[in-house]
Amino acid sequence: RKSRSSLRAVILRGEGPSFCSGLDVPSFFSQPGKALRIFLK
């Protein structure tokens, strides 16, 4: 967004076999403090 003067488009993609499989639940259960911070405003 800061360099938008020269930017014309964005291609958003996933590396490997998938674009994005959604929330990595095991990683959130292993870090409950960060999991809580994700969903707070």
PDB file of all heavy atoms in Angstrom:
ATOM      1  N   ARG A   1       0.833  -1.214   0.000  1.00  0.00           N
ATOM      2  CA  ARG A   1       0.000   0.000   0.000  1.00  0.00           C
ATOM      3  C   ARG A   1       0.862   1.256   0.000  1.00  0.00           C
ATOM      4  O   ARG A   1       0.514   2.264  -0.615  1.00  0.00           O
ATOM      5  CB  ARG A   1      -0.929  -0.020   1.207  1.00  0.00           C
ATOM      6  CG  ARG A   1      -1.991   1.039   1.148  1.00  0.00           C
ATOM      7  CD  ARG A   1      -3.029   0.819   2.198  1.00  0.00           C
ATOM      8  NE  ARG A   1      -4.070   1.815   2.017  1.00  0.00           N
ATOM      9  CZ  ARG A   1      -5.113   1.931   2.767  1.00  0.00           C
ATOM     10  NH1 ARG A   1      -5.289   1.103   3.772  1.00  0.00           N
ATOM     11  NH2 ARG A   1      -6.012   2.855   2.544  1.00  0.00           N
ATOM     12  N   LYS A   2       2.014   1.184   0.657  1.00  0.00           N
ATOM     13  CA  LYS A   2       2.926   2.325   0.687  1.00  0.00           C
ATOM     14  C   LYS A   2       3.577   2.568  -0.671  1.00  0.00           C
ATOM     15  O   LYS A   2       3.899   3.697  -1.009  1.00  0.00           O
ATOM     16  CB  LYS A   2       4.007   2.109   1.746  1.00  0.00           C
ATOM     17  CG  LYS A   2       3.490   2.182   3.153  1.00  0.00           C
ATOM     18  CD  LYS A   2       4.582   1.892   4.156  1.00  0.00           C
ATOM     19  CE  LYS A   2       4.010   1.832   5.558  1.00  0.00           C
ATOM     20  NZ  LYS A   2       5.026   1.417   6.540  1.00  0.00           N
ATOM     21  N   SER A   3       3.783   1.512  -1.451  1.00  0.00           N
ATOM     22  CA  SER A   3       4.447   1.646  -2.752  1.00  0.00           C
ATOM     23  C   SER A   3       3.450   1.621  -3.907  1.00  0.00           C
ATOM     24  O   SER A   3       3.782   1.232  -5.009  1.00  0.00           O
ATOM     25  CB  SER A   3       5.461   0.515  -2.933  1.00  0.00           C
ATOM     26  OG  SER A   3       4.797  -0.725  -3.001  1.00  0.00           O
ATOM     27  N   ARG A   4       2.258   2.065  -3.668  1.00  0.00           N
ATOM     28  CA  ARG A   4       1.187   1.929  -4.649  1.00  0.00           C
ATOM     29  C   ARG A   4       1.348   2.799  -5.890  1.00  0.00           C
ATOM     30  O   ARG A   4       0.669   2.586  -6.877  1.00  0.00           O
ATOM     31  CB  ARG A   4      -0.154   2.204  -3.994  1.00  0.00           C
ATOM     32  CG  ARG A   4      -0.330   3.635  -3.546  1.00  0.00           C
ATOM     33  CD  ARG A   4      -1.714   3.820  -2.933  1.00  0.00           C
ATOM     34  NE  ARG A   4      -1.884   5.173  -2.508  1.00  0.00           N
ATOM     35  CZ  ARG A   4      -2.098   5.546  -1.275  1.00  0.00           C
ATOM     36  NH1 ARG A   4      -2.182   4.657  -0.334  1.00  0.00           N
ATOM     37  NH2 ARG A   4      -2.244   6.807  -0.972  1.00  0.00           N
ATOM     38  N   SER A   5       2.230   3.786  -5.862  1.00  0.00           N
ATOM     39  CA  SER A   5       2.341   4.669  -7.025  1.00  0.00           C
ATOM     40  C   SER A   5       2.753   3.904  -8.282  1.00  0.00           C
ATOM     41  O   SER A   5       2.305   4.227  -9.373  1.00  0.00           O
ATOM     42  CB  SER A   5       3.333   5.794  -6.744  1.00  0.00           C
ATOM     43  OG  SER A   5       4.611   5.251  -6.481  1.00  0.00           O
ATOM     44  N   SER A   6       3.589   2.889  -8.143  1.00  0.00           N
ATOM     45  CA  SER A   6       4.029   2.135  -9.314  1.00  0.00           C
ATOM     46  C   SER A   6       3.315   0.787  -9.450  1.00  0.00           C
ATOM     47  O   SER A   6       3.473   0.109 -10.457  1.00  0.00           O
ATOM     48  CB  SER A   6       5.536   1.898  -9.236  1.00  0.00           C
ATOM     49  OG  SER A   6       5.835   1.111  -8.106  1.00  0.00           O
ATOM     50  N   LEU A   7       2.540   0.416  -8.477  1.00  0.00           N
ATOM     51  CA  LEU A   7       1.890  -0.891  -8.463  1.00  0.00           C
ATOM     52  C   LEU A   7       0.619  -0.884  -9.322  1.00  0.00           C
ATOM     53  O   LEU A   7      -0.194   0.024  -9.236  1.00  0.00           O
ATOM     54  CB  LEU A   7       1.537  -1.260  -7.019  1.00  0.00           C
ATOM     55  CG  LEU A   7       1.088  -2.681  -6.748  1.00  0.00           C
ATOM     56  CD1 LEU A   7       2.201  -3.669  -7.078  1.00  0.00           C
ATOM     57  CD2 LEU A   7       0.703  -2.825  -5.287  1.00  0.00           C
ATOM     58  N   ARG A   8       0.478  -1.914 -10.164  1.00  0.00           N
ATOM     59  CA  ARG A   8      -0.706  -1.991 -11.024  1.00  0.00           C
ATOM     60  C   ARG A   8      -1.629  -3.150 -10.668  1.00  0.00           C
ATOM     61  O   ARG A   8      -2.810  -3.117 -10.973  1.00  0.00           O
ATOM     62  CB  ARG A   8      -0.282  -2.081 -12.477  1.00  0.00           C
ATOM     63  CG  ARG A   8       0.569  -0.874 -12.858  1.00  0.00           C
ATOM     64  CD  ARG A   8       0.630  -0.548 -14.283  1.00  0.00           C
ATOM     65  NE  ARG A   8      -0.495  -0.910 -15.073  1.00  0.00           N
ATOM     66  CZ  ARG A   8      -1.319  -0.049 -15.643  1.00  0.00           C
ATOM     67  NH1 ARG A   8      -1.163   1.220 -15.453  1.00  0.00           N
ATOM     68  NH2 ARG A   8      -2.299  -0.473 -16.408  1.00  0.00           N
ATOM     69  N   ALA A   9      -1.090  -4.201 -10.027  1.00  0.00           N
ATOM     70  CA  ALA A   9      -1.903  -5.356  -9.652  1.00  0.00           C
ATOM     71  C   ALA A   9      -1.135  -6.217  -8.653  1.00  0.00           C
ATOM     72  O   ALA A   9       0.082  -6.100  -8.525  1.00  0.00           O
ATOM     73  CB  ALA A   9      -2.270  -6.191 -10.872  1.00  0.00           C
ATOM     74  N   VAL A  10      -1.885  -7.074  -7.963  1.00  0.00           N
ATOM     75  CA  VAL A  10      -1.303  -8.024  -7.019  1.00  0.00           C
ATOM     76  C   VAL A  10      -1.808  -9.415  -7.375  1.00  0.00           C
ATOM     77  O   VAL A  10      -3.010  -9.603  -7.581  1.00  0.00           O
ATOM     78  CB  VAL A  10      -1.694  -7.685  -5.554  1.00  0.00           C
ATOM     79  CG1 VAL A  10      -1.199  -8.760  -4.591  1.00  0.00           C
ATOM     80  CG2 VAL A  10      -1.172  -6.315  -5.152  1.00  0.00           C
ATOM     81  N   ILE A  11      -0.885 -10.364  -7.442  1.00  0.00           N
ATOM     82  CA  ILE A  11      -1.224 -11.769  -7.631  1.00  0.00           C
ATOM     83  C   ILE A  11      -0.947 -12.458  -6.301  1.00  0.00           C
ATOM     84  O   ILE A  11       0.189 -12.474  -5.825  1.00  0.00           O
ATOM     85  CB  ILE A  11      -0.360 -12.427  -8.739  1.00  0.00           C
ATOM     86  CG1 ILE A  11      -0.437 -11.646 -10.045  1.00  0.00           C
ATOM     87  CG2 ILE A  11      -0.737 -13.892  -8.903  1.00  0.00           C
ATOM     88  CD1 ILE A  11      -1.795 -11.654 -10.705  1.00  0.00           C
ATOM     89  N   LEU A  12      -1.973 -12.994  -5.686  1.00  0.00           N
ATOM     90  CA  LEU A  12      -1.876 -13.650  -4.382  1.00  0.00           C
ATOM     91  C   LEU A  12      -1.965 -15.153  -4.615  1.00  0.00           C
ATOM     92  O   LEU A  12      -2.947 -15.640  -5.181  1.00  0.00           O
ATOM     93  CB  LEU A  12      -3.019 -13.167  -3.491  1.00  0.00           C
ATOM     94  CG  LEU A  12      -3.067 -13.604  -2.043  1.00  0.00           C
ATOM     95  CD1 LEU A  12      -1.813 -13.184  -1.297  1.00  0.00           C
ATOM     96  CD2 LEU A  12      -4.291 -13.005  -1.370  1.00  0.00           C
ATOM     97  N   ARG A  13      -0.929 -15.891  -4.198  1.00  0.00           N
ATOM     98  CA  ARG A  13      -0.879 -17.321  -4.495  1.00  0.00           C
ATOM     99  C   ARG A  13      -0.259 -18.101  -3.345  1.00  0.00           C
ATOM    100  O   ARG A  13       0.374 -17.529  -2.468  1.00  0.00           O
ATOM    101  CB  ARG A  13      -0.073 -17.555  -5.771  1.00  0.00           C
ATOM    102  CG  ARG A  13       1.347 -17.058  -5.649  1.00  0.00           C
ATOM    103  CD  ARG A  13       2.057 -17.065  -6.962  1.00  0.00           C
ATOM    104  NE  ARG A  13       3.418 -16.539  -6.786  1.00  0.00           N
ATOM    105  CZ  ARG A  13       4.284 -16.442  -7.756  1.00  0.00           C
ATOM    106  NH1 ARG A  13       3.950 -16.809  -8.971  1.00  0.00           N
ATOM    107  NH2 ARG A  13       5.484 -15.977  -7.533  1.00  0.00           N
ATOM    108  N   GLY A  14      -0.443 -19.403  -3.377  1.00  0.00           N
ATOM    109  CA  GLY A  14       0.127 -20.278  -2.370  1.00  0.00           C
ATOM    110  C   GLY A  14       1.228 -21.128  -2.958  1.00  0.00           C
ATOM    111  O   GLY A  14       1.105 -21.632  -4.075  1.00  0.00           O
ATOM    112  N   GLU A  15       2.294 -21.297  -2.223  1.00  0.00           N
ATOM    113  CA  GLU A  15       3.387 -22.161  -2.651  1.00  0.00           C
ATOM    114  C   GLU A  15       3.039 -23.614  -2.332  1.00  0.00           C
ATOM    115  O   GLU A  15       2.424 -23.896  -1.307  1.00  0.00           O
ATOM    116  CB  GLU A  15       4.658 -21.748  -1.897  1.00  0.00           C
ATOM    117  CG  GLU A  15       5.906 -22.500  -2.260  1.00  0.00           C
ATOM    118  CD  GLU A  15       7.091 -22.000  -1.469  1.00  0.00           C
ATOM    119  OE1 GLU A  15       7.291 -20.772  -1.390  1.00  0.00           O
ATOM    120  OE2 GLU A  15       7.803 -22.850  -0.909  1.00  0.00           O
ATOM    121  N   GLY A  16       3.418 -24.512  -3.200  1.00  0.00           N
ATOM    122  CA  GLY A  16       3.187 -25.929  -2.934  1.00  0.00           C
ATOM    123  C   GLY A  16       1.841 -26.423  -3.420  1.00  0.00           C
ATOM    124  O   GLY A  16       1.259 -25.862  -4.339  1.00  0.00           O
ATOM    125  N   PRO A  17       1.318 -27.476  -2.775  1.00  0.00           N
ATOM    126  CA  PRO A  17       0.126 -28.153  -3.288  1.00  0.00           C
ATOM    127  C   PRO A  17      -1.205 -27.444  -3.038  1.00  0.00           C
ATOM    128  O   PRO A  17      -2.220 -27.861  -3.576  1.00  0.00           O
ATOM    129  CB  PRO A  17       0.147 -29.503  -2.573  1.00  0.00           C
ATOM    130  CG  PRO A  17       0.866 -29.227  -1.294  1.00  0.00           C
ATOM    131  CD  PRO A  17       1.899 -28.181  -1.635  1.00  0.00           C
ATOM    132  N   SER A  18      -1.237 -26.384  -2.233  1.00  0.00           N
ATOM    133  CA  SER A  18      -2.513 -25.736  -1.894  1.00  0.00           C
ATOM    134  C   SER A  18      -2.368 -24.229  -1.792  1.00  0.00           C
ATOM    135  O   SER A  18      -1.302 -23.719  -1.443  1.00  0.00           O
ATOM    136  CB  SER A  18      -3.038 -26.255  -0.555  1.00  0.00           C
ATOM    137  OG  SER A  18      -3.301 -27.625  -0.616  1.00  0.00           O
ATOM    138  N   PHE A  19      -3.484 -23.537  -2.027  1.00  0.00           N
ATOM    139  CA  PHE A  19      -3.506 -22.093  -1.808  1.00  0.00           C
ATOM    140  C   PHE A  19      -3.420 -21.808  -0.306  1.00  0.00           C
ATOM    141  O   PHE A  19      -2.500 -21.166   0.159  1.00  0.00           O
ATOM    142  CB  PHE A  19      -4.773 -21.468  -2.399  1.00  0.00           C
ATOM    143  CG  PHE A  19      -4.921 -20.011  -2.071  1.00  0.00           C
ATOM    144  CD1 PHE A  19      -4.112 -19.073  -2.690  1.00  0.00           C
ATOM    145  CD2 PHE A  19      -5.848 -19.582  -1.147  1.00  0.00           C
ATOM    146  CE1 PHE A  19      -4.217 -17.725  -2.383  1.00  0.00           C
ATOM    147  CE2 PHE A  19      -5.974 -18.233  -0.832  1.00  0.00           C
ATOM    148  CZ  PHE A  19      -5.156 -17.308  -1.456  1.00  0.00           C
ATOM    149  N   CYS A  20      -4.403 -22.291   0.457  1.00  0.00           N
ATOM    150  CA  CYS A  20      -4.399 -22.098   1.913  1.00  0.00           C
ATOM    151  C   CYS A  20      -5.449 -23.012   2.531  1.00  0.00           C
ATOM    152  O   CYS A  20      -6.626 -22.914   2.201  1.00  0.00           O
ATOM    153  CB  CYS A  20      -4.694 -20.652   2.269  1.00  0.00           C
ATOM    154  SG  CYS A  20      -4.715 -20.330   4.041  1.00  0.00           S
ATOM    155  N   SER A  21      -5.015 -23.863   3.431  1.00  0.00           N
ATOM    156  CA  SER A  21      -5.926 -24.840   4.037  1.00  0.00           C
ATOM    157  C   SER A  21      -6.672 -24.290   5.254  1.00  0.00           C
ATOM    158  O   SER A  21      -7.319 -25.044   5.967  1.00  0.00           O
ATOM    159  CB  SER A  21      -5.160 -26.100   4.428  1.00  0.00           C
ATOM    160  OG  SER A  21      -4.167 -25.787   5.382  1.00  0.00           O
ATOM    161  N   GLY A  22      -6.585 -22.983   5.486  1.00  0.00           N
ATOM    162  CA  GLY A  22      -7.307 -22.389   6.603  1.00  0.00           C
ATOM    163  C   GLY A  22      -6.475 -22.361   7.877  1.00  0.00           C
ATOM    164  O   GLY A  22      -5.253 -22.479   7.840  1.00  0.00           O
ATOM    165  N   LEU A  23      -7.131 -22.204   8.984  1.00  0.00           N
ATOM    166  CA  LEU A  23      -6.476 -22.068  10.282  1.00  0.00           C
ATOM    167  C   LEU A  23      -5.710 -23.338  10.646  1.00  0.00           C
ATOM    168  O   LEU A  23      -6.242 -24.445  10.560  1.00  0.00           O
ATOM    169  CB  LEU A  23      -7.532 -21.766  11.355  1.00  0.00           C
ATOM    170  CG  LEU A  23      -7.022 -21.469  12.753  1.00  0.00           C
ATOM    171  CD1 LEU A  23      -6.215 -20.179  12.766  1.00  0.00           C
ATOM    172  CD2 LEU A  23      -8.193 -21.349  13.713  1.00  0.00           C
ATOM    173  N   ASP A  24      -4.470 -23.174  11.069  1.00  0.00           N
ATOM    174  CA  ASP A  24      -3.655 -24.287  11.559  1.00  0.00           C
ATOM    175  C   ASP A  24      -3.980 -24.459  13.041  1.00  0.00           C
ATOM    176  O   ASP A  24      -3.331 -23.876  13.908  1.00  0.00           O
ATOM    177  CB  ASP A  24      -2.178 -23.990  11.334  1.00  0.00           C
ATOM    178  CG  ASP A  24      -1.271 -25.113  11.796  1.00  0.00           C
ATOM    179  OD1 ASP A  24      -1.790 -26.134  12.309  1.00  0.00           O
ATOM    180  OD2 ASP A  24      -0.050 -24.972  11.657  1.00  0.00           O
ATOM    181  N   VAL A  25      -4.987 -25.251  13.309  1.00  0.00           N
ATOM    182  CA  VAL A  25      -5.505 -25.414  14.679  1.00  0.00           C
ATOM    183  C   VAL A  25      -4.441 -25.925  15.646  1.00  0.00           C
ATOM    184  O   VAL A  25      -4.321 -25.385  16.756  1.00  0.00           O
ATOM    185  CB  VAL A  25      -6.774 -26.307  14.672  1.00  0.00           C
ATOM    186  CG1 VAL A  25      -7.261 -26.570  16.082  1.00  0.00           C
ATOM    187  CG2 VAL A  25      -7.869 -25.643  13.850  1.00  0.00           C
ATOM    188  N   PRO A  26      -3.644 -26.940  15.309  1.00  0.00           N
ATOM    189  CA  PRO A  26      -2.634 -27.404  16.266  1.00  0.00           C
ATOM    190  C   PRO A  26      -1.649 -26.315  16.697  1.00  0.00           C
ATOM    191  O   PRO A  26      -1.243 -26.260  17.849  1.00  0.00           O
ATOM    192  CB  PRO A  26      -1.912 -28.531  15.518  1.00  0.00           C
ATOM    193  CG  PRO A  26      -2.910 -29.033  14.543  1.00  0.00           C
ATOM    194  CD  PRO A  26      -3.689 -27.815  14.128  1.00  0.00           C
ATOM    195  N   SER A  27      -1.272 -25.424  15.785  1.00  0.00           N
ATOM    196  CA  SER A  27      -0.340 -24.356  16.175  1.00  0.00           C
ATOM    197  C   SER A  27      -0.992 -23.390  17.157  1.00  0.00           C
ATOM    198  O   SER A  27      -0.320 -22.836  18.022  1.00  0.00           O
ATOM    199  CB  SER A  27       0.181 -23.606  14.951  1.00  0.00           C
ATOM    200  OG  SER A  27      -0.767 -22.686  14.471  1.00  0.00           O
ATOM    201  N   PHE A  28      -2.302 -23.187  17.040  1.00  0.00           N
ATOM    202  CA  PHE A  28      -2.974 -22.300  17.974  1.00  0.00           C
ATOM    203  C   PHE A  28      -3.154 -22.933  19.346  1.00  0.00           C
ATOM    204  O   PHE A  28      -3.043 -22.258  20.357  1.00  0.00           O
ATOM    205  CB  PHE A  28      -4.323 -21.846  17.404  1.00  0.00           C
ATOM    206  CG  PHE A  28      -4.162 -20.706  16.463  1.00  0.00           C
ATOM    207  CD1 PHE A  28      -4.007 -20.934  15.110  1.00  0.00           C
ATOM    208  CD2 PHE A  28      -4.121 -19.410  16.916  1.00  0.00           C
ATOM    209  CE1 PHE A  28      -3.820 -19.904  14.231  1.00  0.00           C
ATOM    210  CE2 PHE A  28      -3.930 -18.356  16.056  1.00  0.00           C
ATOM    211  CZ  PHE A  28      -3.780 -18.599  14.709  1.00  0.00           C
ATOM    212  N   PHE A  29      -3.410 -24.215  19.378  1.00  0.00           N
ATOM    213  CA  PHE A  29      -3.521 -24.885  20.677  1.00  0.00           C
ATOM    214  C   PHE A  29      -2.179 -24.921  21.401  1.00  0.00           C
ATOM    215  O   PHE A  29      -2.138 -24.966  22.617  1.00  0.00           O
ATOM    216  CB  PHE A  29      -4.078 -26.297  20.521  1.00  0.00           C
ATOM    217  CG  PHE A  29      -5.557 -26.330  20.255  1.00  0.00           C
ATOM    218  CD1 PHE A  29      -6.079 -27.158  19.284  1.00  0.00           C
ATOM    219  CD2 PHE A  29      -6.433 -25.528  20.971  1.00  0.00           C
ATOM    220  CE1 PHE A  29      -7.438 -27.199  19.033  1.00  0.00           C
ATOM    221  CE2 PHE A  29      -7.792 -25.541  20.729  1.00  0.00           C
ATOM    222  CZ  PHE A  29      -8.297 -26.379  19.760  1.00  0.00           C
ATOM    223  N   SER A  30      -1.085 -24.890  20.634  1.00  0.00           N
ATOM    224  CA  SER A  30       0.235 -24.904  21.266  1.00  0.00           C
ATOM    225  C   SER A  30       0.649 -23.527  21.774  1.00  0.00           C
ATOM    226  O   SER A  30       1.595 -23.425  22.556  1.00  0.00           O
ATOM    227  CB  SER A  30       1.283 -25.442  20.300  1.00  0.00           C
ATOM    228  OG  SER A  30       1.492 -24.534  19.241  1.00  0.00           O
ATOM    229  N   GLN A  31      -0.027 -22.455  21.344  1.00  0.00           N
ATOM    230  CA  GLN A  31       0.278 -21.088  21.768  1.00  0.00           C
ATOM    231  C   GLN A  31      -1.015 -20.350  22.117  1.00  0.00           C
ATOM    232  O   GLN A  31      -1.451 -19.465  21.379  1.00  0.00           O
ATOM    233  CB  GLN A  31       1.017 -20.341  20.662  1.00  0.00           C
ATOM    234  CG  GLN A  31       2.322 -20.980  20.269  1.00  0.00           C
ATOM    235  CD  GLN A  31       2.947 -20.279  19.088  1.00  0.00           C
ATOM    236  OE1 GLN A  31       2.264 -19.711  18.242  1.00  0.00           O
ATOM    237  NE2 GLN A  31       4.262 -20.301  19.014  1.00  0.00           N
ATOM    238  N   PRO A  32      -1.644 -20.679  23.236  1.00  0.00           N
ATOM    239  CA  PRO A  32      -2.956 -20.093  23.540  1.00  0.00           C
ATOM    240  C   PRO A  32      -2.944 -18.569  23.683  1.00  0.00           C
ATOM    241  O   PRO A  32      -3.928 -17.919  23.349  1.00  0.00           O
ATOM    242  CB  PRO A  32      -3.368 -20.770  24.840  1.00  0.00           C
ATOM    243  CG  PRO A  32      -2.147 -21.404  25.381  1.00  0.00           C
ATOM    244  CD  PRO A  32      -1.201 -21.613  24.258  1.00  0.00           C
ATOM    245  N   GLY A  33      -1.846 -17.984  24.129  1.00  0.00           N
ATOM    246  CA  GLY A  33      -1.780 -16.528  24.257  1.00  0.00           C
ATOM    247  C   GLY A  33      -1.888 -15.834  22.912  1.00  0.00           C
ATOM    248  O   GLY A  33      -2.616 -14.858  22.747  1.00  0.00           O
ATOM    249  N   LYS A  34      -1.173 -16.352  21.930  1.00  0.00           N
ATOM    250  CA  LYS A  34      -1.233 -15.774  20.589  1.00  0.00           C
ATOM    251  C   LYS A  34      -2.587 -16.042  19.949  1.00  0.00           C
ATOM    252  O   LYS A  34      -3.106 -15.206  19.222  1.00  0.00           O
ATOM    253  CB  LYS A  34      -0.113 -16.327  19.711  1.00  0.00           C
ATOM    254  CG  LYS A  34       1.234 -15.745  20.050  1.00  0.00           C
ATOM    255  CD  LYS A  34       2.288 -16.225  19.089  1.00  0.00           C
ATOM    256  CE  LYS A  34       3.620 -15.577  19.400  1.00  0.00           C
ATOM    257  NZ  LYS A  34       4.682 -16.032  18.496  1.00  0.00           N
ATOM    258  N   ALA A  35      -3.146 -17.210  20.216  1.00  0.00           N
ATOM    259  CA  ALA A  35      -4.461 -17.535  19.656  1.00  0.00           C
ATOM    260  C   ALA A  35      -5.502 -16.530  20.130  1.00  0.00           C
ATOM    261  O   ALA A  35      -6.339 -16.078  19.347  1.00  0.00           O
ATOM    262  CB  ALA A  35      -4.861 -18.948  20.049  1.00  0.00           C
ATOM    263  N   LEU A  36      -5.454 -16.170  21.388  1.00  0.00           N
ATOM    264  CA  LEU A  36      -6.395 -15.191  21.920  1.00  0.00           C
ATOM    265  C   LEU A  36      -6.182 -13.826  21.284  1.00  0.00           C
ATOM    266  O   LEU A  36      -7.147 -13.143  20.917  1.00  0.00           O
ATOM    267  CB  LEU A  36      -6.251 -15.101  23.441  1.00  0.00           C
ATOM    268  CG  LEU A  36      -7.197 -14.161  24.159  1.00  0.00           C
ATOM    269  CD1 LEU A  36      -8.643 -14.591  23.940  1.00  0.00           C
ATOM    270  CD2 LEU A  36      -6.884 -14.118  25.637  1.00  0.00           C
ATOM    271  N   ARG A  37      -4.920 -13.426  21.089  1.00  0.00           N
ATOM    272  CA  ARG A  37      -4.618 -12.124  20.486  1.00  0.00           C
ATOM    273  C   ARG A  37      -5.099 -12.023  19.042  1.00  0.00           C
ATOM    274  O   ARG A  37      -5.430 -10.923  18.576  1.00  0.00           O
ATOM    275  CB  ARG A  37      -3.117 -11.853  20.547  1.00  0.00           C
ATOM    276  CG  ARG A  37      -2.645 -11.565  21.958  1.00  0.00           C
ATOM    277  CD  ARG A  37      -1.151 -11.450  22.079  1.00  0.00           C
ATOM    278  NE  ARG A  37      -0.564 -10.553  21.107  1.00  0.00           N
ATOM    279  CZ  ARG A  37       0.739 -10.558  20.819  1.00  0.00           C
ATOM    280  NH1 ARG A  37       1.556 -11.380  21.411  1.00  0.00           N
ATOM    281  NH2 ARG A  37       1.204  -9.717  19.929  1.00  0.00           N
ATOM    282  N   ILE A  38      -5.160 -13.129  18.325  1.00  0.00           N
ATOM    283  CA  ILE A  38      -5.610 -13.117  16.933  1.00  0.00           C
ATOM    284  C   ILE A  38      -7.051 -12.619  16.819  1.00  0.00           C
ATOM    285  O   ILE A  38      -7.406 -11.921  15.887  1.00  0.00           O
ATOM    286  CB  ILE A  38      -5.513 -14.542  16.320  1.00  0.00           C
ATOM    287  CG1 ILE A  38      -4.071 -14.934  16.108  1.00  0.00           C
ATOM    288  CG2 ILE A  38      -6.302 -14.672  15.035  1.00  0.00           C
ATOM    289  CD1 ILE A  38      -3.397 -14.300  14.925  1.00  0.00           C
ATOM    290  N   PHE A  39      -7.880 -12.976  17.789  1.00  0.00           N
ATOM    291  CA  PHE A  39      -9.313 -12.713  17.681  1.00  0.00           C
ATOM    292  C   PHE A  39      -9.796 -11.509  18.487  1.00  0.00           C
ATOM    293  O   PHE A  39     -10.987 -11.217  18.491  1.00  0.00           O
ATOM    294  CB  PHE A  39     -10.088 -13.973  18.070  1.00  0.00           C
ATOM    295  CG  PHE A  39      -9.767 -15.132  17.169  1.00  0.00           C
ATOM    296  CD1 PHE A  39      -8.996 -16.184  17.616  1.00  0.00           C
ATOM    297  CD2 PHE A  39     -10.198 -15.141  15.851  1.00  0.00           C
ATOM    298  CE1 PHE A  39      -8.681 -17.246  16.771  1.00  0.00           C
ATOM    299  CE2 PHE A  39      -9.878 -16.190  14.995  1.00  0.00           C
ATOM    300  CZ  PHE A  39      -9.118 -17.243  15.460  1.00  0.00           C
ATOM    301  N   LEU A  40      -8.899 -10.778  19.143  1.00  0.00           N
ATOM    302  CA  LEU A  40      -9.278  -9.585  19.895  1.00  0.00           C
ATOM    303  C   LEU A  40      -9.056  -8.332  19.063  1.00  0.00           C
ATOM    304  O   LEU A  40      -8.124  -8.261  18.267  1.00  0.00           O
ATOM    305  CB  LEU A  40      -8.452  -9.491  21.183  1.00  0.00           C
ATOM    306  CG  LEU A  40      -8.705 -10.547  22.242  1.00  0.00           C
ATOM    307  CD1 LEU A  40      -7.765 -10.339  23.418  1.00  0.00           C
ATOM    308  CD2 LEU A  40     -10.146 -10.521  22.714  1.00  0.00           C
ATOM    309  N   LYS A  41      -9.915  -7.354  19.277  1.00  0.00           N
ATOM    310  CA  LYS A  41      -9.748  -6.049  18.629  1.00  0.00           C
ATOM    311  C   LYS A  41      -9.105  -5.118  19.650  1.00  0.00           C
ATOM    312  O   LYS A  41      -9.455  -5.134  20.828  1.00  0.00           O
ATOM    313  CB  LYS A  41     -11.084  -5.487  18.185  1.00  0.00           C
ATOM    314  CG  LYS A  41     -11.741  -6.291  17.101  1.00  0.00           C
ATOM    315  CD  LYS A  41     -13.059  -5.692  16.691  1.00  0.00           C
ATOM    316  CE  LYS A  41     -13.741  -6.610  15.697  1.00  0.00           C
ATOM    317  NZ  LYS A  41     -15.067  -6.152  15.340  1.00  0.00           N
TER     318      LYS A  41
END
